[in-house]
């Protein structure tokens, strides 16, 4: 593929004849004062077709590299005080739990767990330490005084508190190495090496879900196993099956299947249930093209185009293929041991109960709206509900068009999102957002989507009180029981562009609108405050030393 700036019509005619002769496919578009011509060779076209991506989609992606994604226009921070975040009292939580238990009968409930994350990033500081430490007295003293290695020092000093400690000790013994002697002699590198590399536990090569997180006396559980346990308490269906869907990387699929086979019977026997476990991988059709710094397609050494996985936003395709009524979404690393599960489960059910209550009202109204038998009293009730529960205003809607407007706004996928109080964690939060049509809605917004050089936008961010822990309950079927096409509700202008590298060369990579950001932009959205104890992610290995994971 070639990108050419065309200034004269004559040059365009020459190129047109060229591409026709050599079976190129070409596209051109206006970019400020330039016309950009994009040409795909026959080999390019075959590669793109094999990935089941349209040429038009690839061109659209390149346009975004040229223009960039527009910043989100945040209008106001969603807070308890302004009604953007709902705060439940103990009686409401109890009532919603009961509502969930009473109304889940006949519904298909599923737990959806994004689990493709590699564990290697958890060990970044251990890798850095290992590269610079040689076990000499000088190195040890430098190590003690270097704040950059504090995490490695903590890891070694508290290594016996990790649930994988006995596994690591055993594999070192098999190689005639004693972990206590290694620590006494300040010889830490073999310990790190046997934890991370393929000659030992190979933790740096595994997905995060297959690392041992928590100890229970004579055995330990991986993050994957903890999700099996948690699913029993709120994702159990009428048929006695707990349904869980894990999205995984293709290179890890076999390992997940093997691990499932080794632990499934234990939990089925313990809870007297059956597990229906599904795995899916991110589709190649959701990959995005990479470009160089000049926004020309990045090519591999063999001349082929480079495509990259497009982030968790691509998982909207995986979610779209699920046939269920209620979906709980939670990341693989946000899991706690049994002693802390009750509060998590309590709020999970409360979120689901609230969703079901709202959904019941919506479906009742939609049946009325579709019957054609509508009176002013019913419309007034719907208008109040839209305003009070869904933050949808109808003030500027013509009275004659109001029924159709309400029908459109009510008949959408719905999500109830848990939000924790902001304690300085990086990432997204709840905001009121104004779109290009001047419509205001509740959205989860990442900091990278906001123009922080804009004083007004920065001021709004400073007033943010809550943080997104990725704790969602979703309704993905309409009032007739038909699945929504979730891809119709994506805001394609909310993607991300980041700088990466390949073979020592810089490139630009594109991520699709995030799964709980732009991919759900046009969903009915409700934010509910949940306690901070429900948010315990494991981003670095030492996070497992926190009291919540011990």
Protein backbone atom coordinates (compact mmCIF):
# COMPACT_ATOMS: atom_id res chain seq x y z
CA UNK A 1 0.00 0.00 0.00
CA UNK A 2 1.20 3.52 -0.84
CA UNK A 3 0.16 6.92 0.54
CA UNK A 4 0.54 9.75 -1.96
CA UNK A 5 -0.19 13.47 -1.59
CA UNK A 6 -1.86 14.64 -4.77
CA UNK A 7 -1.62 18.28 -5.73
CA UNK A 8 -2.50 18.13 -9.41
CA UNK A 9 -5.22 16.35 -11.32
CA UNK A 10 -2.70 15.16 -13.90
CA UNK A 11 -0.73 13.25 -11.30
CA UNK A 12 -3.91 11.58 -10.15
CA UNK A 13 -4.67 10.34 -13.68
CA UNK A 14 -1.21 8.79 -13.97
CA UNK A 15 -1.59 7.01 -10.66
CA UNK A 16 -5.08 5.87 -11.58
CA UNK A 17 -3.75 4.14 -14.70
CA UNK A 18 -0.95 2.62 -12.63
CA UNK A 19 -3.21 1.11 -10.02
CA UNK A 20 -5.57 -0.25 -12.68
CA UNK A 21 -2.72 -1.93 -14.51
CA UNK A 22 -1.31 -3.65 -11.42
CA UNK A 23 -4.61 -4.61 -9.78
CA UNK A 24 -4.32 -2.15 -6.91
CA UNK A 25 -7.28 -1.07 -4.86
CA UNK A 26 -7.19 2.62 -4.02
CA UNK A 27 -8.96 5.16 -1.84
CA UNK A 28 -8.46 8.89 -1.47
CA UNK A 29 -9.78 11.41 0.99
CA UNK A 30 -9.39 15.06 1.93
CA UNK A 31 -7.18 15.89 4.89
CA UNK A 32 -7.07 19.65 5.54
CA UNK A 33 -5.41 21.04 2.39
CA UNK A 34 -4.15 17.69 1.11
CA UNK A 35 -5.69 14.78 -0.70
CA UNK A 36 -4.34 11.48 0.57
CA UNK A 37 -4.33 8.52 -1.80
CA UNK A 38 -4.14 5.07 -0.22
CA UNK A 39 -3.36 2.05 -2.39
CA UNK A 40 -3.49 -1.62 -1.49
CA UNK A 41 -1.58 -4.24 -3.43
CA UNK A 42 -3.18 -7.56 -4.26
CA UNK A 43 -1.16 -9.14 -1.42
CA UNK A 44 -2.46 -6.45 0.98
CA UNK A 45 -6.02 -7.13 -0.09
CA UNK A 46 -5.64 -10.87 0.44
CA UNK A 47 -4.13 -10.33 3.90
CA UNK A 48 -6.97 -7.98 4.89
CA UNK A 49 -9.61 -10.32 3.48
CA UNK A 50 -8.15 -13.26 5.39
CA UNK A 51 -8.58 -11.31 8.62
CA UNK A 52 -12.20 -10.59 7.62
CA UNK A 53 -11.65 -6.84 7.75
CA UNK A 54 -13.04 -4.57 5.06
CA UNK A 55 -10.74 -2.26 3.10
CA UNK A 56 -13.05 0.61 4.02
CA UNK A 57 -12.51 -0.15 7.72
CA UNK A 58 -8.73 -0.09 7.31
CA UNK A 59 -8.95 3.24 5.48
CA UNK A 60 -11.14 4.63 8.29
CA UNK A 61 -8.49 3.59 10.80
CA UNK A 62 -5.74 5.34 8.85
CA UNK A 63 -7.89 8.48 8.76
CA UNK A 64 -8.02 8.40 12.56
CA UNK A 65 -4.23 8.17 12.70
CA UNK A 66 -4.10 11.28 10.53
CA UNK A 67 -6.76 13.27 12.39
CA UNK A 68 -6.57 11.76 15.86
CA UNK A 69 -9.56 10.93 18.01
CA UNK A 70 -11.50 13.92 19.36
CA UNK A 71 -11.37 14.52 23.08
CA UNK A 72 -14.48 13.70 25.06
CA UNK A 73 -16.33 16.82 26.17
CA UNK A 74 -17.01 16.22 29.85
CA UNK A 75 -19.85 18.40 31.12
CA UNK A 76 -19.82 17.61 34.83
CA UNK A 77 -18.35 15.05 37.24
CA UNK A 78 -20.96 12.48 38.23
CA UNK A 79 -21.34 12.68 42.01
CA UNK A 80 -23.73 11.56 44.72
CA UNK A 81 -24.67 15.21 45.30
CA UNK A 82 -25.83 15.81 41.72
CA UNK A 83 -27.52 12.45 41.30
CA UNK A 84 -24.92 11.04 38.91
CA UNK A 85 -23.91 8.33 41.39
CA UNK A 86 -26.58 6.55 43.42
CA UNK A 87 -25.84 5.78 47.06
CA UNK A 88 -27.73 2.83 48.57
CA UNK A 89 -28.50 2.42 52.26
CA UNK A 90 -28.50 -0.94 54.06
CA UNK A 91 -32.27 -1.42 53.70
CA UNK A 92 -32.13 -0.76 49.95
CA UNK A 93 -29.25 -3.20 49.55
CA UNK A 94 -31.17 -5.87 51.41
CA UNK A 95 -34.31 -5.23 49.35
CA UNK A 96 -32.39 -5.33 46.04
CA UNK A 97 -30.72 -8.60 47.04
CA UNK A 98 -34.16 -10.09 47.66
CA UNK A 99 -35.46 -8.70 44.37
CA UNK A 100 -32.57 -10.31 42.51
CA UNK A 101 -33.14 -13.71 44.15
CA UNK A 102 -36.89 -13.58 43.48
CA UNK A 103 -36.70 -12.43 39.86
CA UNK A 104 -33.68 -14.31 38.52
CA UNK A 105 -35.75 -17.45 37.99
CA UNK A 106 -36.18 -18.13 34.31
CA UNK A 107 -33.32 -15.83 33.36
CA UNK A 108 -29.96 -16.90 31.99
CA UNK A 109 -27.19 -15.36 34.08
CA UNK A 110 -23.55 -15.31 33.03
CA UNK A 111 -20.29 -14.01 34.45
CA UNK A 112 -18.03 -12.42 31.80
CA UNK A 113 -14.33 -12.18 32.71
CA UNK A 114 -11.76 -10.46 30.47
CA UNK A 115 -8.74 -12.68 31.15
CA UNK A 116 -6.33 -12.16 28.28
CA UNK A 117 -3.89 -10.05 30.29
CA UNK A 118 -0.35 -11.41 30.46
CA UNK A 119 1.32 -11.62 33.86
CA UNK A 120 4.68 -10.34 32.59
CA UNK A 121 3.86 -6.71 33.45
CA UNK A 122 3.42 -7.70 37.10
CA UNK A 123 7.13 -8.51 37.31
CA UNK A 124 8.62 -5.45 35.64
CA UNK A 125 10.54 -4.35 38.74
CA UNK A 126 11.82 -7.87 39.43
CA UNK A 127 13.19 -8.06 35.88
CA UNK A 128 14.93 -4.70 36.34
CA UNK A 129 16.41 -5.80 39.64
CA UNK A 130 17.70 -9.09 38.25
CA UNK A 131 19.48 -7.31 35.39
CA UNK A 132 21.45 -5.04 37.73
CA UNK A 133 22.06 -7.24 40.78
CA UNK A 134 25.09 -9.57 40.97
CA UNK A 135 24.88 -10.71 44.64
CA UNK A 136 28.07 -8.84 45.59
CA UNK A 137 28.28 -6.90 48.85
CA UNK A 138 28.45 -3.65 46.90
CA UNK A 139 25.40 -4.55 44.84
CA UNK A 140 23.54 -5.56 48.01
CA UNK A 141 24.30 -2.28 49.74
CA UNK A 142 23.30 -0.34 46.64
CA UNK A 143 20.16 -2.41 46.49
CA UNK A 144 19.25 -1.54 50.08
CA UNK A 145 19.71 2.17 49.44
CA UNK A 146 17.98 2.34 46.07
CA UNK A 147 14.31 3.24 46.39
CA UNK A 148 13.82 1.90 42.87
CA UNK A 149 14.44 -1.59 44.22
CA UNK A 150 12.24 -1.31 47.30
CA UNK A 151 9.64 -3.53 45.69
CA UNK A 152 12.21 -6.26 45.00
CA UNK A 153 13.41 -6.00 48.60
CA UNK A 154 9.82 -6.37 49.82
CA UNK A 155 9.26 -9.34 47.51
CA UNK A 156 12.30 -11.22 48.83
CA UNK A 157 11.73 -10.36 52.49
CA UNK A 158 8.10 -11.47 52.44
CA UNK A 159 8.35 -14.26 49.89
CA UNK A 160 6.97 -16.85 52.32
CA UNK A 161 3.63 -14.99 52.32
CA UNK A 162 2.94 -15.64 48.64
CA UNK A 163 0.62 -18.54 47.85
CA UNK A 164 3.12 -19.87 45.30
CA UNK A 165 5.95 -20.00 47.88
CA UNK A 166 5.81 -23.77 48.44
CA UNK A 167 5.76 -24.43 44.68
CA UNK A 168 8.81 -22.22 44.23
CA UNK A 169 10.61 -23.81 47.16
CA UNK A 170 9.92 -27.29 45.79
CA UNK A 171 11.18 -26.58 42.29
CA UNK A 172 14.35 -24.97 43.70
CA UNK A 173 14.93 -28.08 45.83
CA UNK A 174 14.70 -30.23 42.71
CA UNK A 175 17.63 -28.25 41.37
CA UNK A 176 19.58 -28.65 44.62
CA UNK A 177 18.89 -25.05 45.64
CA UNK A 178 17.68 -24.06 49.10
CA UNK A 179 15.59 -20.88 49.14
CA UNK A 180 16.53 -20.00 52.73
CA UNK A 181 20.24 -20.39 52.01
CA UNK A 182 19.92 -18.28 48.85
CA UNK A 183 18.29 -15.48 50.81
CA UNK A 184 20.87 -15.72 53.63
CA UNK A 185 23.67 -15.48 51.08
CA UNK A 186 21.94 -12.54 49.38
CA UNK A 187 21.80 -14.60 46.17
CA UNK A 188 18.35 -13.51 45.01
CA UNK A 189 18.62 -13.95 41.26
CA UNK A 190 18.04 -17.73 41.18
CA UNK A 191 14.84 -17.23 43.18
CA UNK A 192 13.54 -14.66 40.71
CA UNK A 193 14.74 -16.72 37.76
CA UNK A 194 12.96 -19.88 38.86
CA UNK A 195 9.78 -17.93 39.54
CA UNK A 196 9.67 -16.20 36.16
CA UNK A 197 11.43 -18.34 33.57
CA UNK A 198 10.48 -21.53 31.75
CA UNK A 199 12.94 -23.58 33.84
CA UNK A 200 10.81 -22.89 36.91
CA UNK A 201 7.23 -21.79 37.50
CA UNK A 202 7.34 -19.66 34.31
CA UNK A 203 5.06 -17.04 35.86
CA UNK A 204 6.25 -14.35 33.44
CA UNK A 205 5.03 -16.51 30.55
CA UNK A 206 1.58 -17.23 31.96
CA UNK A 207 -1.66 -15.25 31.80
CA UNK A 208 -2.49 -13.46 35.03
CA UNK A 209 -5.50 -15.72 35.58
CA UNK A 210 -3.30 -18.79 36.04
CA UNK A 211 -1.12 -17.38 38.82
CA UNK A 212 -1.75 -18.55 42.36
CA UNK A 213 -3.33 -15.67 44.28
CA UNK A 214 -4.56 -16.96 47.65
CA UNK A 215 -3.69 -19.68 50.17
CA UNK A 216 -6.20 -21.89 51.98
CA UNK A 217 -4.27 -24.03 54.39
CA UNK A 218 -3.04 -27.01 52.41
CA UNK A 219 -3.85 -25.67 48.95
CA UNK A 220 -3.89 -22.42 46.94
CA UNK A 221 -6.21 -20.94 44.34
CA UNK A 222 -5.43 -19.17 41.10
CA UNK A 223 -7.36 -16.05 40.09
CA UNK A 224 -9.24 -18.29 37.64
CA UNK A 225 -10.36 -20.58 40.47
CA UNK A 226 -11.49 -17.63 42.60
CA UNK A 227 -13.84 -16.59 39.80
CA UNK A 228 -15.28 -20.12 39.72
CA UNK A 229 -16.01 -19.84 43.42
CA UNK A 230 -17.48 -16.34 43.20
CA UNK A 231 -19.75 -17.35 40.32
CA UNK A 232 -21.50 -19.90 42.55
CA UNK A 233 -22.94 -17.09 44.67
CA UNK A 234 -24.52 -14.95 41.96
CA UNK A 235 -24.20 -16.59 38.52
CA UNK A 236 -26.01 -19.85 39.33
CA UNK A 237 -28.87 -20.60 36.94
CA UNK A 238 -32.11 -22.53 37.45
CA UNK A 239 -30.53 -25.61 35.90
CA UNK A 240 -27.91 -25.76 38.67
CA UNK A 241 -25.16 -24.59 36.33
CA UNK A 242 -22.88 -21.63 36.92
CA UNK A 243 -22.11 -20.02 33.58
CA UNK A 244 -18.78 -18.19 33.11
CA UNK A 245 -17.22 -16.81 29.93
CA UNK A 246 -13.49 -16.03 29.90
CA UNK A 247 -11.89 -14.08 27.07
CA UNK A 248 -8.30 -15.29 26.68
CA UNK A 249 -5.32 -14.89 24.37
CA UNK A 250 -4.99 -17.64 21.75
CA UNK A 251 -1.54 -18.62 23.03
CA UNK A 252 -2.99 -19.24 26.50
CA UNK A 253 -6.17 -21.10 25.54
CA UNK A 254 -4.67 -24.57 25.95
CA UNK A 255 -3.29 -23.68 29.38
CA UNK A 256 -6.68 -22.43 30.56
CA UNK A 257 -8.40 -25.57 29.31
CA UNK A 258 -5.82 -27.73 31.05
CA UNK A 259 -6.19 -25.82 34.31
CA UNK A 260 -9.98 -26.02 34.13
CA UNK A 261 -9.80 -29.79 33.68
CA UNK A 262 -7.59 -30.09 36.77
CA UNK A 263 -9.79 -28.06 39.14
CA UNK A 264 -13.37 -28.31 37.87
CA UNK A 265 -14.33 -31.43 39.83
CA UNK A 266 -13.10 -29.95 43.12
CA UNK A 267 -15.51 -27.01 42.95
CA UNK A 268 -18.40 -28.90 41.40
CA UNK A 269 -18.21 -31.39 44.27
CA UNK A 270 -17.74 -28.66 46.89
CA UNK A 271 -20.73 -26.59 45.76
CA UNK A 272 -22.88 -29.44 44.35
CA UNK A 273 -23.26 -27.64 41.02
CA UNK A 274 -22.05 -27.89 37.43
CA UNK A 275 -19.93 -25.30 35.65
CA UNK A 276 -20.58 -24.25 32.08
CA UNK A 277 -17.29 -22.60 31.12
CA UNK A 278 -16.76 -20.89 27.78
CA UNK A 279 -13.54 -19.46 26.37
CA UNK A 280 -13.27 -17.05 23.49
CA UNK A 281 -10.42 -15.14 21.94
CA UNK A 282 -10.37 -11.66 20.52
CA UNK A 283 -11.36 -11.90 16.86
CA UNK A 284 -8.80 -11.11 14.20
CA UNK A 285 -11.49 -9.06 12.48
CA UNK A 286 -11.23 -6.55 15.34
CA UNK A 287 -7.48 -6.03 14.88
CA UNK A 288 -6.36 -2.57 13.79
CA UNK A 289 -3.66 -1.60 11.35
CA UNK A 290 -0.43 -0.09 12.71
CA UNK A 291 1.26 2.88 11.07
CA UNK A 292 4.66 4.51 11.32
CA UNK A 293 5.22 7.96 12.79
CA UNK A 294 4.32 9.52 9.43
CA UNK A 295 1.02 7.59 9.44
CA UNK A 296 2.07 5.27 6.64
CA UNK A 297 1.21 1.60 7.18
CA UNK A 298 3.85 -0.19 9.21
CA UNK A 299 5.20 -3.23 7.40
CA UNK A 300 6.85 -6.38 8.67
CA UNK A 301 10.24 -7.46 7.29
CA UNK A 302 8.46 -9.58 4.67
CA UNK A 303 6.48 -6.59 3.41
CA UNK A 304 3.17 -7.58 4.96
CA UNK A 305 0.99 -5.13 6.82
CA UNK A 306 1.17 -5.12 10.61
CA UNK A 307 -2.13 -5.52 12.46
CA UNK A 308 -2.43 -5.46 16.24
CA UNK A 309 -5.10 -6.53 18.76
CA UNK A 310 -7.28 -3.49 19.40
CA UNK A 311 -7.55 -3.59 23.20
CA UNK A 312 -10.42 -4.68 25.42
CA UNK A 313 -12.85 -2.59 23.35
CA UNK A 314 -12.70 -5.35 20.75
CA UNK A 315 -14.41 -7.64 23.27
CA UNK A 316 -17.77 -6.04 22.46
CA UNK A 317 -17.82 -8.58 19.60
CA UNK A 318 -17.35 -11.44 22.09
CA UNK A 319 -20.02 -10.03 24.38
CA UNK A 320 -22.34 -9.58 21.42
CA UNK A 321 -22.34 -13.32 20.72
CA UNK A 322 -23.54 -14.33 24.18
CA UNK A 323 -27.11 -15.56 24.48
CA UNK A 324 -28.09 -14.62 28.03
CA UNK A 325 -30.27 -12.16 29.93
CA UNK A 326 -27.97 -10.82 32.64
CA UNK A 327 -24.18 -10.46 32.39
CA UNK A 328 -21.83 -9.70 35.30
CA UNK A 329 -18.52 -8.20 34.10
CA UNK A 330 -15.41 -8.21 36.25
CA UNK A 331 -11.68 -8.26 35.47
CA UNK A 332 -9.64 -11.41 36.11
CA UNK A 333 -7.32 -9.82 38.69
CA UNK A 334 -9.99 -8.14 40.84
CA UNK A 335 -10.76 -11.02 43.16
CA UNK A 336 -10.50 -11.62 46.91
CA UNK A 337 -10.18 -14.66 49.19
CA UNK A 338 -13.27 -16.25 50.73
CA UNK A 339 -13.21 -14.22 53.95
CA UNK A 340 -13.85 -11.01 51.97
CA UNK A 341 -16.28 -12.38 49.40
CA UNK A 342 -19.56 -11.75 51.30
CA UNK A 343 -19.51 -7.97 50.83
CA UNK A 344 -18.57 -8.30 47.18
CA UNK A 345 -21.43 -10.75 46.62
CA UNK A 346 -23.87 -8.53 48.55
CA UNK A 347 -23.18 -5.58 46.26
CA UNK A 348 -23.08 -7.70 43.10
CA UNK A 349 -26.60 -8.88 43.83
CA UNK A 350 -27.70 -5.34 44.74
CA UNK A 351 -26.45 -4.03 41.37
CA UNK A 352 -28.25 -6.85 39.59
CA UNK A 353 -31.42 -6.26 41.61
CA UNK A 354 -31.38 -2.59 40.70
CA UNK A 355 -30.89 -3.44 37.03
CA UNK A 356 -33.81 -5.89 37.13
CA UNK A 357 -36.07 -3.33 38.83
CA UNK A 358 -35.32 -0.68 36.20
CA UNK A 359 -35.55 -3.22 33.41
CA UNK A 360 -38.98 -4.41 34.64
CA UNK A 361 -40.29 -0.84 34.43
CA UNK A 362 -38.71 -0.27 31.03
CA UNK A 363 -40.20 -3.43 29.57
CA UNK A 364 -43.65 -2.56 30.93
CA UNK A 365 -43.47 0.89 29.33
CA UNK A 366 -42.19 -0.50 26.03
CA UNK A 367 -45.09 -2.92 25.81
CA UNK A 368 -47.47 0.00 26.29
CA UNK A 369 -45.66 2.15 23.75
CA UNK A 370 -45.74 -0.64 21.18
CA UNK A 371 -49.43 -1.37 21.77
CA UNK A 372 -50.44 2.03 20.46
CA UNK A 373 -52.82 2.47 23.41
CA UNK A 374 -51.12 5.42 25.06
CA UNK A 375 -52.74 8.07 27.21
CA UNK A 376 -51.36 11.28 28.70
CA UNK A 377 -51.18 9.83 32.19
CA UNK A 378 -49.00 6.92 31.02
CA UNK A 379 -46.75 9.26 29.04
CA UNK A 380 -46.36 11.56 32.04
CA UNK A 381 -45.33 8.60 34.19
CA UNK A 382 -42.76 7.53 31.58
CA UNK A 383 -41.36 11.05 31.32
CA UNK A 384 -40.88 11.20 35.10
CA UNK A 385 -39.23 7.77 35.10
CA UNK A 386 -36.88 8.77 32.27
CA UNK A 387 -35.85 11.89 34.15
CA UNK A 388 -35.61 10.48 37.69
CA UNK A 389 -34.04 7.08 36.98
CA UNK A 390 -32.32 7.34 33.59
CA UNK A 391 -31.35 11.06 33.52
CA UNK A 392 -33.09 11.47 30.16
CA UNK A 393 -34.73 14.85 29.60
CA UNK A 394 -37.69 15.35 27.25
CA UNK A 395 -38.13 19.11 27.55
CA UNK A 396 -37.25 19.88 23.94
CA UNK A 397 -39.16 16.96 22.41
CA UNK A 398 -42.32 17.73 20.46
CA UNK A 399 -45.38 16.26 22.18
CA UNK A 400 -46.36 14.28 19.08
CA UNK A 401 -42.88 12.77 18.81
CA UNK A 402 -42.59 11.96 22.50
CA UNK A 403 -43.83 8.31 22.34
CA UNK A 404 -41.36 7.43 19.59
CA UNK A 405 -38.55 9.24 21.44
CA UNK A 406 -39.27 7.31 24.65
CA UNK A 407 -39.48 4.04 22.75
CA UNK A 408 -36.02 4.66 21.25
CA UNK A 409 -34.47 5.70 24.56
CA UNK A 410 -36.04 2.87 26.59
CA UNK A 411 -35.26 0.05 24.15
CA UNK A 412 -31.47 -0.08 24.60
CA UNK A 413 -28.97 -2.29 26.40
CA UNK A 414 -28.67 -1.34 30.06
CA UNK A 415 -25.75 -1.40 32.48
CA UNK A 416 -25.54 -0.71 36.18
CA UNK A 417 -21.94 0.13 37.09
CA UNK A 418 -20.40 -0.02 40.54
CA UNK A 419 -18.25 3.02 41.38
CA UNK A 420 -15.81 3.30 44.27
CA UNK A 421 -14.68 6.50 45.96
CA UNK A 422 -11.64 7.91 44.22
CA UNK A 423 -8.51 7.30 46.30
CA UNK A 424 -5.98 8.28 43.67
CA UNK A 425 -6.15 5.19 41.47
CA UNK A 426 -5.34 5.84 37.79
CA UNK A 427 -8.01 5.17 35.22
CA UNK A 428 -11.56 6.04 34.30
CA UNK A 429 -14.33 7.67 36.24
CA UNK A 430 -18.02 8.62 35.94
CA UNK A 431 -18.88 11.86 34.16
CA UNK A 432 -21.73 13.62 32.45
CA UNK A 433 -20.61 13.94 28.82
CA UNK A 434 -21.93 16.16 26.03
CA UNK A 435 -21.74 14.56 22.58
CA UNK A 436 -21.50 16.23 19.17
CA UNK A 437 -25.30 16.52 19.08
CA UNK A 438 -25.25 18.38 22.43
CA UNK A 439 -26.92 15.40 24.15
CA UNK A 440 -25.78 14.87 27.73
CA UNK A 441 -25.40 11.36 29.14
CA UNK A 442 -23.55 9.45 31.84
CA UNK A 443 -20.31 7.86 30.65
CA UNK A 444 -17.20 6.18 32.02
CA UNK A 445 -14.31 8.29 30.77
CA UNK A 446 -10.58 7.55 30.83
CA UNK A 447 -8.18 10.39 31.64
CA UNK A 448 -6.53 9.95 28.22
CA UNK A 449 -9.86 10.87 26.59
CA UNK A 450 -9.91 14.29 28.28
CA UNK A 451 -8.09 17.44 27.11
CA UNK A 452 -6.35 18.26 30.37
CA UNK A 453 -4.72 21.30 28.78
CA UNK A 454 -8.20 22.82 28.77
CA UNK A 455 -8.60 24.66 32.10
CA UNK A 456 -12.34 24.08 32.26
CA UNK A 457 -12.07 20.36 31.54
CA UNK A 458 -9.25 19.99 34.06
CA UNK A 459 -11.36 21.73 36.69
CA UNK A 460 -14.23 19.30 36.12
CA UNK A 461 -11.82 16.37 36.53
CA UNK A 462 -10.60 17.82 39.82
CA UNK A 463 -14.16 17.60 41.16
CA UNK A 464 -14.46 13.91 40.34
CA UNK A 465 -15.29 11.85 43.43
CA UNK A 466 -15.47 8.28 42.11
CA UNK A 467 -13.43 5.76 40.15
CA UNK A 468 -14.39 2.93 37.78
CA UNK A 469 -13.40 -0.48 39.22
CA UNK A 470 -14.93 -2.42 36.28
CA UNK A 471 -17.88 -3.82 38.19
CA UNK A 472 -20.80 -4.02 35.79
CA UNK A 473 -24.12 -5.81 35.54
CA UNK A 474 -25.66 -5.69 32.07
CA UNK A 475 -29.00 -6.44 30.45
CA UNK A 476 -28.45 -7.28 26.77
CA UNK A 477 -31.94 -8.37 25.64
CA UNK A 478 -34.92 -6.20 24.74
CA UNK A 479 -38.47 -6.35 26.14
CA UNK A 480 -39.35 -9.13 23.67
CA UNK A 481 -36.42 -11.26 24.81
CA UNK A 482 -34.45 -10.59 21.62
CA UNK A 483 -30.72 -9.91 21.82
CA UNK A 484 -29.58 -6.38 21.11
CA UNK A 485 -26.94 -5.92 18.42
CA UNK A 486 -24.42 -4.35 20.78
CA UNK A 487 -22.24 -3.05 17.96
CA UNK A 488 -24.95 -0.53 17.11
CA UNK A 489 -24.36 1.29 20.40
CA UNK A 490 -20.61 1.96 20.02
CA UNK A 491 -19.21 5.48 19.72
CA UNK A 492 -16.46 4.93 17.16
CA UNK A 493 -14.95 8.36 17.85
CA UNK A 494 -13.72 7.30 21.30
CA UNK A 495 -10.73 5.13 20.45
CA UNK A 496 -7.12 5.52 21.58
CA UNK A 497 -3.81 5.97 19.78
CA UNK A 498 -0.57 5.03 21.51
CA UNK A 499 3.11 4.83 20.61
CA UNK A 500 4.60 1.31 20.53
CA UNK A 501 7.63 -0.29 18.92
CA UNK A 502 8.38 -3.33 16.77
CA UNK A 503 11.85 -4.58 15.89
CA UNK A 504 13.35 -1.38 17.27
CA UNK A 505 11.11 0.88 15.17
CA UNK A 506 8.46 3.18 16.59
CA UNK A 507 4.88 2.75 15.45
CA UNK A 508 1.43 4.04 16.22
CA UNK A 509 -1.15 1.56 17.46
CA UNK A 510 -4.89 2.03 17.71
CA UNK A 511 -7.25 0.68 20.33
CA UNK A 512 -10.95 0.47 19.68
CA UNK A 513 -13.37 2.29 22.02
CA UNK A 514 -12.97 0.64 25.43
CA UNK A 515 -15.44 -2.06 26.41
CA UNK A 516 -16.91 -0.03 29.28
CA UNK A 517 -16.12 3.35 27.66
CA UNK A 518 -17.01 4.07 24.05
CA UNK A 519 -18.15 0.53 23.24
CA UNK A 520 -21.10 1.04 25.62
CA UNK A 521 -21.53 4.76 24.95
CA UNK A 522 -25.16 4.55 23.88
CA UNK A 523 -26.31 2.13 26.58
CA UNK A 524 -28.66 3.14 29.36
CA UNK A 525 -26.15 3.81 32.14
CA UNK A 526 -26.63 3.94 35.91
CA UNK A 527 -23.82 4.47 38.43
CA UNK A 528 -24.06 3.06 41.95
CA UNK A 529 -21.53 3.54 44.74
CA UNK A 530 -19.89 0.33 45.99
CA UNK A 531 -17.38 0.02 48.87
CA UNK A 532 -13.66 0.17 48.18
CA UNK A 533 -13.25 -3.37 49.56
CA UNK A 534 -14.90 -4.66 46.37
CA UNK A 535 -11.94 -3.30 44.36
CA UNK A 536 -8.71 -5.24 44.92
CA UNK A 537 -6.84 -5.52 41.62
CA UNK A 538 -3.43 -7.15 41.31
CA UNK A 539 -1.28 -5.01 39.03
CA UNK A 540 2.14 -5.88 40.50
CA UNK A 541 3.29 -9.03 42.24
CA UNK A 542 3.54 -7.23 45.59
CA UNK A 543 -0.16 -6.36 45.46
CA UNK A 544 -0.67 -9.96 46.60
CA UNK A 545 1.00 -8.97 49.88
CA UNK A 546 -1.80 -6.55 50.72
CA UNK A 547 -3.88 -7.65 53.67
CA UNK A 548 -6.90 -8.10 51.38
CA UNK A 549 -5.09 -10.90 49.54
CA UNK A 550 -3.59 -12.63 52.58
